[in-house]
Amino acid sequence: MTKSVIVVGAGLGGLSTALRLSYKGYQVTMIEKQALPGGRLHVLKKDGFTFDVGPSFFSMSYEFKELFDSIGEPIPFELNELNPLYTVNMAGSDRVFQIYKDLDRLANEFKGIEDDFENKVRGYLKGAKEIFHDTEYKIIKRNFDNIVTYAMSMATVPFKHLPKMFRTFWEELERHFESEEVKIIFSLVAFFLGATPFNTPSVYNLLNYTELEHDGYWNVKGGMYKIVEGIMGLLEKKGVKMIYNTEIMSVQHSGGKMVSVTDANGEVYRADLFVINADAAWFRGKFLQRAKYSEAKLDKMEWTLAPFTIYLGVKGTIPGIHHHNYFLGDNFRGYADTIFRSTVAPEKPYYYVNVASKSNPDCAPEGCENLFILCPVPDMRVKPDWSDADKLVNEIIEDLGKRVNFDIKNNILTKVVYTPNEWQKMFNLYKGSGLGLAHGLNQIGALRPANKDEKLNNVYYVGASTHPGTGLPIVVIGSRLVTERIENEH
């Protein structure tokens, strides 16, 4: 008899799990709060401009190949490798660093700044490569039933990596490089984890290996939402039922099983199995009243920084900007030290700018640019009031205009701003945290909220705050792990 599955939430993790299960013969229904699928992988269209709402590029592109290979389908969108990967603009300097995967070209960028850079970076990446491949299948790409199995798996990781667990990302960089510029640029990947290099374990220098040597960075021709559209076409083919504009308000369980979920209108949805693509920690506290995940306990956990995002449609083309750009200030350590605990909007903010129209002209009307600006800010545990949002918006727009030598302010045709409040409301992100639970050593593997519920044997989780973690390719891996569990247990 065909088993029915309800997937709550249509983010990438939920979509990928629904895809795998539907091709294995399960009867799948997806329930989504928003009017469109995608979660943080969303799309915004306004006044002829199209913006990627959240992620604008990713690494480990082969995980998408694995996803579609597993169901016997070709990838339904076109991948585009970034070259250069991104550019970095530092305050007080006219020099723009182009970051290439080609280490010869990268070495040329740091000529006169870091002596013997090429040999140093190869030595640094050698260690990062080893820890990536020594943990890939032992920690990331496998399920854990309990702490004991996790500890046993950790014990098989070569002992030589142990010191990295007790050093910060920044301290590891200091062991290899002299110049502040190199250390700052290489530590930007820590911000992808919603953290800073001064509180991120050095094991995560494996991210430098994934960007600079292993697979690089990629985006999608026509915009990142093509990923969602491609998956949706396949789900439609398999008869997956999609229910939009529907927020689950309560769950019902009995005898160690979830029986149903109920929406705001009192509609009840029943199934044999449930996959939760909401935040795995928040859901356990709010809907299952687990003491371990009460608001007080959640507030004491480590969460990633919140997103403050600005979407601008600008008249004119901006020659002084590339597709992917970082704009940094001149107080990196001070900024990083205060960003998690500041109750006011950051001064001289650091931000990332994606100009999709540079490679996807259809994203903007002819002769225009679309700018997506992301500024990491404290989550709402620290700064719940964003009534001062305009001040930060204006400061960023003014600073960006000066840096790229273009009058952005007076050429804005459309503008949308999402503070952490909007991100929380739109996607139920706990206190606005952009990437869910952080990845400190006490919140990874079996120490992260599990992808199988502790008490209800037909409830599973997929997404950023469960195992294996956050990021587009990682939640795709998570969809494989949760599908394996469901197949083995049901």
Protein backbone atom coordinates (compact mmCIF):
# COMPACT_ATOMS: atom_id res chain seq x y z
CA MET A 1 0.00 0.00 0.00
CA THR A 2 1.34 3.44 -0.97
CA LYS A 3 2.36 5.51 2.03
CA SER A 4 1.32 9.16 2.21
CA VAL A 5 3.76 11.90 3.20
CA ILE A 6 3.08 15.50 4.15
CA VAL A 7 6.02 17.88 3.75
CA VAL A 8 5.54 21.04 5.82
CA GLY A 9 7.45 23.84 4.11
CA ALA A 10 8.57 24.11 0.48
CA GLY A 11 12.13 25.34 0.93
CA LEU A 12 14.90 23.62 -1.01
CA GLY A 13 15.21 20.90 1.64
CA GLY A 14 11.50 20.14 1.50
CA LEU A 15 11.36 20.28 -2.30
CA SER A 16 14.37 17.97 -2.66
CA THR A 17 12.91 15.47 -0.18
CA ALA A 18 9.52 15.55 -1.91
CA LEU A 19 11.27 14.95 -5.21
CA ARG A 20 13.18 11.92 -3.96
CA LEU A 21 10.16 10.41 -2.18
CA SER A 22 7.74 10.97 -5.07
CA TYR A 23 10.08 9.14 -7.46
CA LYS A 24 10.22 6.25 -4.98
CA GLY A 25 6.46 5.88 -5.08
CA TYR A 26 5.35 7.78 -2.00
CA GLN A 27 2.19 9.92 -2.25
CA VAL A 28 3.44 13.40 -1.36
CA THR A 29 1.59 16.57 -0.37
CA MET A 30 3.44 19.82 0.34
CA ILE A 31 1.99 22.56 2.56
CA GLU A 32 3.57 26.01 2.18
CA LYS A 33 2.90 29.25 4.07
CA GLN A 34 3.83 31.48 1.11
CA ALA A 35 2.12 31.88 -2.26
CA LEU A 36 5.19 30.44 -4.00
CA PRO A 37 7.57 27.55 -3.21
CA GLY A 38 11.27 28.02 -2.52
CA GLY A 39 11.57 29.28 1.06
CA ARG A 40 14.66 31.50 1.28
CA LEU A 41 15.39 30.51 -2.33
CA HIS A 42 12.64 32.92 -3.32
CA VAL A 43 12.09 35.40 -6.13
CA LEU A 44 10.95 39.04 -6.04
CA LYS A 45 9.51 40.76 -9.12
CA LYS A 46 8.77 44.48 -9.15
CA ASP A 47 8.58 47.19 -11.79
CA GLY A 48 10.21 45.04 -14.47
CA PHE A 49 13.06 43.90 -12.21
CA THR A 50 13.61 40.35 -10.95
CA PHE A 51 15.65 39.66 -7.81
CA ASP A 52 16.91 36.53 -6.11
CA VAL A 53 15.57 37.08 -2.57
CA GLY A 54 18.13 34.92 -0.79
CA PRO A 55 21.03 32.77 -2.03
CA SER A 56 22.73 34.11 -5.15
CA PHE A 57 25.44 31.45 -5.61
CA PHE A 58 26.57 28.13 -4.14
CA SER A 59 29.41 25.64 -3.98
CA MET A 60 29.43 21.83 -4.27
CA SER A 61 27.35 21.97 -7.45
CA TYR A 62 27.72 18.21 -7.86
CA GLU A 63 25.16 17.70 -5.09
CA PHE A 64 22.50 18.92 -7.51
CA LYS A 65 23.76 16.39 -10.04
CA GLU A 66 23.46 13.66 -7.39
CA LEU A 67 19.88 14.76 -6.62
CA PHE A 68 18.70 14.49 -10.22
CA ASP A 69 20.81 11.42 -11.00
CA SER A 70 19.09 9.68 -8.07
CA ILE A 71 15.71 10.03 -9.80
CA GLY A 72 17.00 9.39 -13.32
CA GLU A 73 16.38 12.92 -14.60
CA PRO A 74 18.70 15.48 -16.22
CA ILE A 75 19.34 18.69 -14.29
CA PRO A 76 16.39 20.92 -15.26
CA PHE A 77 18.37 24.18 -15.14
CA GLU A 78 21.67 25.45 -16.49
CA LEU A 79 24.60 25.86 -14.11
CA ASN A 80 27.05 28.71 -14.60
CA GLU A 81 30.52 28.63 -13.00
CA LEU A 82 31.68 31.97 -11.59
CA ASN A 83 34.98 33.38 -12.80
CA PRO A 84 36.15 35.35 -10.93
CA LEU A 85 34.43 33.90 -7.88
CA TYR A 86 33.85 37.36 -6.41
CA THR A 87 35.52 40.72 -5.90
CA VAL A 88 36.50 42.41 -2.65
CA ASN A 89 36.54 46.17 -2.11
CA MET A 90 38.25 47.48 1.02
CA ALA A 91 37.57 50.92 2.48
CA GLY A 92 40.33 53.45 1.96
CA SER A 93 41.80 51.60 -1.02
CA ASP A 94 41.21 51.90 -4.76
CA ARG A 95 42.46 48.36 -5.21
CA VAL A 96 39.75 45.81 -6.03
CA PHE A 97 40.73 42.19 -5.40
CA GLN A 98 39.46 39.67 -7.94
CA ILE A 99 39.28 36.24 -6.32
CA TYR A 100 39.98 33.43 -8.78
CA LYS A 101 39.88 29.66 -8.46
CA ASP A 102 43.01 29.65 -10.66
CA LEU A 103 45.75 29.97 -8.03
CA ASP A 104 48.24 31.45 -10.51
CA ARG A 105 45.85 34.32 -11.25
CA LEU A 106 44.98 34.61 -7.56
CA ALA A 107 48.67 34.92 -6.67
CA ASN A 108 48.93 37.86 -9.05
CA GLU A 109 46.15 39.63 -7.11
CA PHE A 110 48.26 39.51 -3.94
CA LYS A 111 51.58 40.41 -5.54
CA GLY A 112 53.41 42.87 -3.32
CA ILE A 113 51.04 42.14 -0.44
CA GLU A 114 51.90 38.57 0.59
CA ASP A 115 55.38 37.23 -0.19
CA ASP A 116 55.51 33.68 -1.57
CA PHE A 117 51.72 33.65 -1.67
CA GLU A 118 51.34 30.73 -4.07
CA ASN A 119 53.36 28.30 -1.95
CA LYS A 120 51.64 29.49 1.21
CA VAL A 121 48.13 29.12 -0.21
CA ARG A 122 48.88 25.65 -1.59
CA GLY A 123 50.09 24.54 1.84
CA TYR A 124 47.02 26.08 3.49
CA LEU A 125 44.61 24.46 1.02
CA LYS A 126 46.32 21.08 1.38
CA GLY A 127 45.30 20.97 5.04
CA ALA A 128 41.80 22.25 4.23
CA LYS A 129 41.42 19.57 1.53
CA GLU A 130 42.45 16.81 3.92
CA ILE A 131 39.92 17.78 6.57
CA PHE A 132 37.16 18.11 3.94
CA HIS A 133 37.67 14.61 2.56
CA ASP A 134 38.44 13.05 5.95
CA THR A 135 35.08 14.23 7.33
CA GLU A 136 32.84 14.24 4.23
CA TYR A 137 31.45 10.72 4.63
CA LYS A 138 32.19 10.24 8.33
CA ILE A 139 30.40 13.36 9.60
CA ILE A 140 28.48 15.16 6.84
CA LYS A 141 27.03 12.54 4.51
CA ARG A 142 25.70 10.05 7.04
CA ASN A 143 22.95 9.71 9.60
CA PHE A 144 23.52 9.40 13.34
CA ASP A 145 21.14 7.52 15.64
CA ASN A 146 22.67 8.79 18.87
CA ILE A 147 25.65 10.51 20.48
CA VAL A 148 27.55 7.22 20.79
CA THR A 149 27.54 6.49 17.04
CA TYR A 150 28.56 10.09 16.41
CA ALA A 151 31.45 9.84 18.87
CA MET A 152 32.56 6.57 17.27
CA SER A 153 32.52 8.17 13.83
CA MET A 154 34.41 11.22 15.08
CA ALA A 155 37.04 8.87 16.51
CA THR A 156 37.78 7.60 13.01
CA VAL A 157 38.71 11.09 11.77
CA PRO A 158 42.55 11.28 11.64
CA PHE A 159 43.97 12.55 14.92
CA LYS A 160 46.10 15.16 13.10
CA HIS A 161 42.97 17.32 12.69
CA LEU A 162 42.30 17.54 16.44
CA PRO A 163 44.24 20.79 17.04
CA LYS A 164 41.98 22.57 14.53
CA MET A 165 39.03 22.00 16.84
CA PHE A 166 40.67 24.25 19.41
CA ARG A 167 41.79 27.05 17.07
CA THR A 168 39.64 29.70 15.48
CA PHE A 169 39.41 30.23 11.75
CA TRP A 170 41.41 33.44 12.12
CA GLU A 171 44.14 31.75 14.18
CA GLU A 172 44.54 29.14 11.45
CA LEU A 173 44.94 31.86 8.83
CA GLU A 174 47.57 33.57 11.00
CA ARG A 175 49.63 30.37 10.92
CA HIS A 176 49.91 30.64 7.13
CA PHE A 177 49.66 34.29 6.06
CA GLU A 178 51.09 37.66 7.10
CA SER A 179 48.94 40.26 5.36
CA GLU A 180 45.63 41.43 6.79
CA GLU A 181 44.16 41.57 3.29
CA VAL A 182 44.67 37.86 2.63
CA LYS A 183 43.41 36.86 6.08
CA ILE A 184 40.32 39.04 5.80
CA ILE A 185 39.42 37.86 2.29
CA PHE A 186 39.90 34.17 3.10
CA SER A 187 37.84 34.54 6.27
CA LEU A 188 34.79 35.90 4.42
CA VAL A 189 33.53 32.33 4.04
CA ALA A 190 32.88 32.36 7.81
CA PHE A 191 30.18 34.95 7.11
CA PHE A 192 28.53 32.38 4.82
CA LEU A 193 27.98 30.42 8.04
CA GLY A 194 26.44 33.51 9.58
CA ALA A 195 29.40 33.82 11.94
CA THR A 196 32.79 35.56 12.13
CA PRO A 197 36.31 34.09 11.77
CA PHE A 198 37.01 34.94 15.41
CA ASN A 199 34.33 32.58 16.74
CA THR A 200 34.31 29.93 13.99
CA PRO A 201 36.38 26.74 14.52
CA SER A 202 39.32 26.42 12.16
CA VAL A 203 38.00 23.12 10.79
CA TYR A 204 35.80 25.28 8.59
CA ASN A 205 38.78 26.40 6.56
CA LEU A 206 37.62 23.45 4.45
CA LEU A 207 35.27 26.06 2.94
CA ASN A 208 38.30 27.80 1.42
CA TYR A 209 39.13 24.50 -0.24
CA THR A 210 35.60 24.15 -1.64
CA GLU A 211 35.71 27.68 -3.13
CA LEU A 212 39.32 27.96 -4.30
CA GLU A 213 40.13 24.45 -5.47
CA HIS A 214 37.44 21.80 -5.13
CA ASP A 215 34.38 23.05 -7.01
CA GLY A 216 34.36 26.84 -6.94
CA TYR A 217 31.12 28.84 -6.96
CA TRP A 218 28.14 28.56 -9.28
CA ASN A 219 24.87 30.24 -10.03
CA VAL A 220 22.03 29.46 -12.44
CA LYS A 221 21.37 30.94 -15.85
CA GLY A 222 18.18 32.99 -15.68
CA GLY A 223 18.34 33.40 -11.89
CA MET A 224 18.50 31.14 -8.87
CA TYR A 225 14.74 30.61 -8.83
CA LYS A 226 15.19 28.40 -11.90
CA ILE A 227 16.24 25.71 -9.39
CA VAL A 228 12.80 25.86 -7.78
CA GLU A 229 10.99 26.00 -11.12
CA GLY A 230 12.96 23.01 -12.38
CA ILE A 231 12.09 20.91 -9.33
CA MET A 232 8.45 22.01 -9.47
CA GLY A 233 8.14 20.74 -13.04
CA LEU A 234 9.27 17.30 -11.93
CA LEU A 235 7.03 17.28 -8.85
CA GLU A 236 4.06 18.13 -11.06
CA LYS A 237 5.03 15.23 -13.32
CA LYS A 238 4.86 12.87 -10.33
CA GLY A 239 1.52 14.21 -9.12
CA VAL A 240 2.75 15.90 -5.95
CA LYS A 241 -0.04 18.03 -4.47
CA MET A 242 0.94 21.61 -3.58
CA ILE A 243 -1.05 23.62 -1.02
CA TYR A 244 -0.03 27.30 -0.82
CA ASN A 245 -0.93 30.26 1.42
CA THR A 246 -1.44 27.79 4.25
CA GLU A 247 0.29 28.06 7.60
CA ILE A 248 0.25 25.14 10.00
CA MET A 249 -0.89 26.29 13.45
CA SER A 250 -1.01 23.04 15.43
CA VAL A 251 -0.13 19.34 15.24
CA GLN A 252 -1.87 16.30 16.64
CA HIS A 253 -0.08 13.18 17.83
CA SER A 254 -0.98 9.97 19.61
CA GLY A 255 0.73 6.69 20.49
CA GLY A 256 4.20 7.87 19.49
CA LYS A 257 3.07 9.08 16.06
CA MET A 258 2.01 12.34 14.49
CA VAL A 259 -1.55 11.94 13.25
CA SER A 260 -2.28 15.24 11.55
CA VAL A 261 -1.48 18.94 11.19
CA THR A 262 -4.04 21.75 11.28
CA ASP A 263 -3.94 25.09 9.47
CA ALA A 264 -5.19 28.54 10.50
CA ASN A 265 -8.65 27.83 9.06
CA GLY A 266 -9.05 24.62 11.03
CA GLU A 267 -8.41 22.38 8.02
CA VAL A 268 -6.87 19.07 9.12
CA TYR A 269 -4.31 17.21 7.00
CA ARG A 270 -3.54 13.55 7.73
CA ALA A 271 -0.71 11.34 6.47
CA ASP A 272 1.37 8.29 7.35
CA LEU A 273 4.60 10.27 7.50
CA PHE A 274 5.56 13.90 8.07
CA VAL A 275 8.67 15.76 6.92
CA ILE A 276 9.18 19.15 8.56
CA ASN A 277 11.07 21.74 6.51
CA ALA A 278 10.54 24.45 9.13
CA ASP A 279 13.39 25.22 11.53
CA ALA A 280 13.96 21.91 13.33
CA ALA A 281 14.73 23.48 16.72
CA TRP A 282 11.95 26.09 16.62
CA PHE A 283 9.33 23.56 15.46
CA ARG A 284 10.08 21.17 18.32
CA GLY A 285 9.61 23.96 20.84
CA LYS A 286 6.58 25.72 19.36
CA PHE A 287 4.53 22.74 18.15
CA LEU A 288 5.74 19.81 20.25
CA GLN A 289 6.39 21.75 23.47
CA ARG A 290 9.76 20.11 24.02
CA ALA A 291 11.41 21.59 27.12
CA LYS A 292 14.84 21.30 25.47
CA TYR A 293 13.63 23.72 22.78
CA SER A 294 11.73 26.26 24.87
CA GLU A 295 12.24 29.90 23.92
CA ALA A 296 14.58 30.35 26.89
CA LYS A 297 16.67 27.37 25.75
CA LEU A 298 16.61 28.43 22.10
CA ASP A 299 17.83 31.90 23.05
CA LYS A 300 20.89 30.35 24.70
CA MET A 301 21.84 28.42 21.55
CA GLU A 302 24.23 29.81 18.95
CA TRP A 303 22.39 31.27 15.96
CA THR A 304 23.66 32.71 12.72
CA LEU A 305 23.51 36.40 11.91
CA ALA A 306 20.29 37.87 10.55
CA PRO A 307 19.96 39.19 6.99
CA PHE A 308 19.22 42.84 6.26
CA THR A 309 18.51 42.95 2.53
CA ILE A 310 17.95 45.76 0.04
CA TYR A 311 16.67 45.20 -3.50
CA LEU A 312 17.29 48.10 -5.87
CA GLY A 313 16.27 48.62 -9.47
CA VAL A 314 18.65 51.29 -10.80
CA LYS A 315 18.53 53.31 -14.02
CA GLY A 316 21.81 53.11 -15.94
CA THR A 317 24.62 50.57 -16.08
CA ILE A 318 27.28 50.63 -13.38
CA PRO A 319 30.72 49.87 -14.83
CA GLY A 320 32.55 49.86 -11.49
CA ILE A 321 30.81 46.80 -10.10
CA HIS A 322 30.90 43.07 -10.89
CA HIS A 323 28.41 40.23 -10.43
CA HIS A 324 29.44 39.26 -6.87
CA ASN A 325 31.06 41.89 -4.65
CA TYR A 326 32.05 42.39 -1.03
CA PHE A 327 32.41 45.89 0.37
CA LEU A 328 34.39 45.96 3.60
CA GLY A 329 35.31 48.68 6.07
CA ASP A 330 38.66 49.37 7.71
CA ASN A 331 37.89 47.92 11.15
CA PHE A 332 37.43 44.22 10.45
CA ARG A 333 38.18 42.82 13.90
CA GLY A 334 36.25 45.53 15.74
CA TYR A 335 33.29 45.10 13.42
CA ALA A 336 33.30 41.32 13.83
CA ASP A 337 33.58 41.62 17.61
CA THR A 338 30.47 43.80 17.92
CA ILE A 339 28.20 42.52 15.14
CA PHE A 340 26.62 39.77 17.29
CA ARG A 341 25.79 41.97 20.27
CA SER A 342 25.08 45.45 18.93
CA THR A 343 21.61 46.78 19.73
CA VAL A 344 21.90 49.47 17.06
CA ALA A 345 22.34 49.22 13.29
CA PRO A 346 26.02 48.71 12.41
CA GLU A 347 28.20 51.75 11.79
CA LYS A 348 30.16 51.70 8.51
CA PRO A 349 28.47 48.42 7.58
CA TYR A 350 30.08 45.55 5.70
CA TYR A 351 27.89 44.24 2.92
CA TYR A 352 27.66 41.99 -0.13
CA VAL A 353 26.25 43.14 -3.48
CA ASN A 354 24.95 40.84 -6.21
CA VAL A 355 24.27 42.40 -9.62
CA ALA A 356 22.47 39.62 -11.44
CA SER A 357 21.90 41.81 -14.50
CA LYS A 358 25.66 41.57 -15.25
CA SER A 359 25.21 37.95 -16.35
CA ASN A 360 21.41 37.66 -16.65
CA PRO A 361 20.24 40.72 -18.65
CA ASP A 362 16.60 39.59 -18.43
CA CYS A 363 16.63 40.43 -14.69
CA ALA A 364 16.38 44.16 -15.44
CA PRO A 365 14.90 46.43 -18.14
CA GLU A 366 17.33 47.45 -20.87
CA GLY A 367 19.86 50.01 -19.66
CA CYS A 368 19.22 49.19 -15.99
CA GLU A 369 20.81 47.16 -13.21
CA ASN A 370 19.27 45.13 -10.39
CA LEU A 371 21.19 45.23 -7.11
CA PHE A 372 20.70 42.78 -4.27
CA ILE A 373 22.47 44.00 -1.13
CA LEU A 374 22.96 41.82 1.94
CA CYS A 375 24.24 43.22 5.23
CA PRO A 376 24.62 40.66 8.08
CA VAL A 377 23.20 42.12 11.30
CA PRO A 378 22.42 40.92 14.85
CA ASP A 379 19.37 38.67 15.19
CA MET A 380 16.25 39.79 17.03
CA ARG A 381 17.37 38.40 20.38
CA VAL A 382 19.82 41.30 20.42
CA LYS A 383 18.09 43.90 18.25
CA PRO A 384 14.33 43.35 18.00
CA ASP A 385 13.54 46.93 16.94
CA TRP A 386 14.32 47.87 13.34
CA SER A 387 12.55 51.23 13.26
CA ASP A 388 15.97 52.69 12.36
CA ALA A 389 16.19 50.64 9.16
CA ASP A 390 16.15 53.69 6.87
CA LYS A 391 19.36 54.99 8.42
CA LEU A 392 21.20 51.77 7.52
CA VAL A 393 19.66 51.68 4.02
CA ASN A 394 20.72 55.24 3.28
CA GLU A 395 24.22 54.72 4.65
CA ILE A 396 24.77 51.63 2.48
CA ILE A 397 23.40 53.28 -0.68
CA GLU A 398 25.55 56.36 -0.15
CA ASP A 399 28.68 54.32 0.59
CA LEU A 400 28.15 52.02 -2.39
CA GLY A 401 27.61 54.97 -4.75
CA LYS A 402 30.90 56.53 -3.67
CA ARG A 403 32.82 53.28 -4.02
CA VAL A 404 31.61 52.48 -7.53
CA ASN A 405 31.54 56.15 -8.64
CA PHE A 406 27.88 56.12 -9.64
CA ASP A 407 24.94 58.17 -8.37
CA ILE A 408 22.82 55.25 -7.19
CA LYS A 409 20.63 57.31 -4.85
CA ASN A 410 19.18 59.53 -7.59
CA ASN A 411 18.74 56.73 -10.12
CA ILE A 412 16.66 54.31 -8.03
CA LEU A 413 13.56 53.18 -9.94
CA THR A 414 12.37 50.64 -7.36
CA LYS A 415 13.38 49.70 -3.82
CA VAL A 416 12.38 46.93 -1.39
CA VAL A 417 13.89 46.41 2.06
CA TYR A 418 13.62 43.30 4.26
CA THR A 419 14.78 43.72 7.86
CA PRO A 420 15.17 40.68 10.16
CA ASN A 421 11.52 41.27 11.15
CA GLU A 422 10.36 40.61 7.58
CA TRP A 423 12.63 37.57 7.26
CA GLN A 424 11.20 36.14 10.47
CA LYS A 425 7.60 36.71 9.37
CA MET A 426 8.05 35.43 5.82
CA PHE A 427 9.95 32.23 6.58
CA ASN A 428 9.49 31.62 10.32
CA LEU A 429 13.22 32.13 10.92
CA TYR A 430 13.87 32.00 14.65
CA LYS A 431 14.44 35.60 15.81
CA GLY A 432 15.32 36.41 12.17
CA SER A 433 18.44 34.22 12.11
CA GLY A 434 19.29 33.91 8.42
CA LEU A 435 20.87 30.46 8.29
CA GLY A 436 19.40 28.82 11.37
CA LEU A 437 21.54 27.33 14.10
CA ALA A 438 25.24 28.15 13.92
CA HIS A 439 27.88 25.47 13.33
CA GLY A 440 29.94 25.56 16.50
CA LEU A 441 31.38 22.20 17.52
CA ASN A 442 28.56 21.77 20.05
CA GLN A 443 25.95 22.14 17.28
CA ILE A 444 27.11 19.77 14.53
CA GLY A 445 26.51 16.10 13.74
CA ALA A 446 24.48 14.34 16.44
CA LEU A 447 24.74 17.47 18.61
CA ARG A 448 22.48 19.31 16.15
CA PRO A 449 18.69 18.76 16.29
CA ALA A 450 18.28 15.33 14.70
CA ASN A 451 16.60 14.71 11.35
CA LYS A 452 14.40 12.04 13.01
CA ASP A 453 12.12 13.08 15.86
CA GLU A 454 13.06 11.81 19.31
CA LYS A 455 9.53 10.74 20.31
CA LEU A 456 7.36 10.55 17.20
CA ASN A 457 8.56 7.75 14.95
CA ASN A 458 6.91 9.05 11.77
CA VAL A 459 8.28 12.61 11.93
CA TYR A 460 11.46 13.74 10.14
CA TYR A 461 13.24 17.05 9.59
CA VAL A 462 15.16 18.59 6.73
CA GLY A 463 16.70 22.04 6.36
CA ALA A 464 19.26 24.41 7.80
CA SER A 465 18.91 23.76 11.56
CA THR A 466 18.99 19.98 11.42
CA HIS A 467 21.80 17.64 10.36
CA PRO A 468 23.98 18.14 8.33
CA GLY A 469 23.55 21.94 8.36
CA THR A 470 22.98 25.08 6.32
CA GLY A 471 23.63 26.04 2.69
CA LEU A 472 21.98 24.94 -0.56
CA PRO A 473 24.14 21.86 -1.28
CA ILE A 474 24.11 20.84 2.38
CA VAL A 475 20.30 20.79 2.63
CA VAL A 476 20.25 18.75 -0.61
CA ILE A 477 22.52 16.26 1.18
CA GLY A 478 20.09 16.46 4.10
CA SER A 479 17.23 15.47 1.79
CA ARG A 480 19.15 12.33 0.81
CA LEU A 481 19.83 11.44 4.45
CA VAL A 482 16.21 11.88 5.53
CA THR A 483 14.99 9.91 2.51
CA GLU A 484 17.34 7.05 3.46
CA ARG A 485 15.88 7.07 6.97
CA ILE A 486 12.31 6.97 5.71
CA GLU A 487 13.05 4.14 3.28
CA ASN A 488 14.81 2.08 5.94
CA GLU A 489 12.16 2.64 8.60
CA HIS A 490 8.94 2.71 6.54
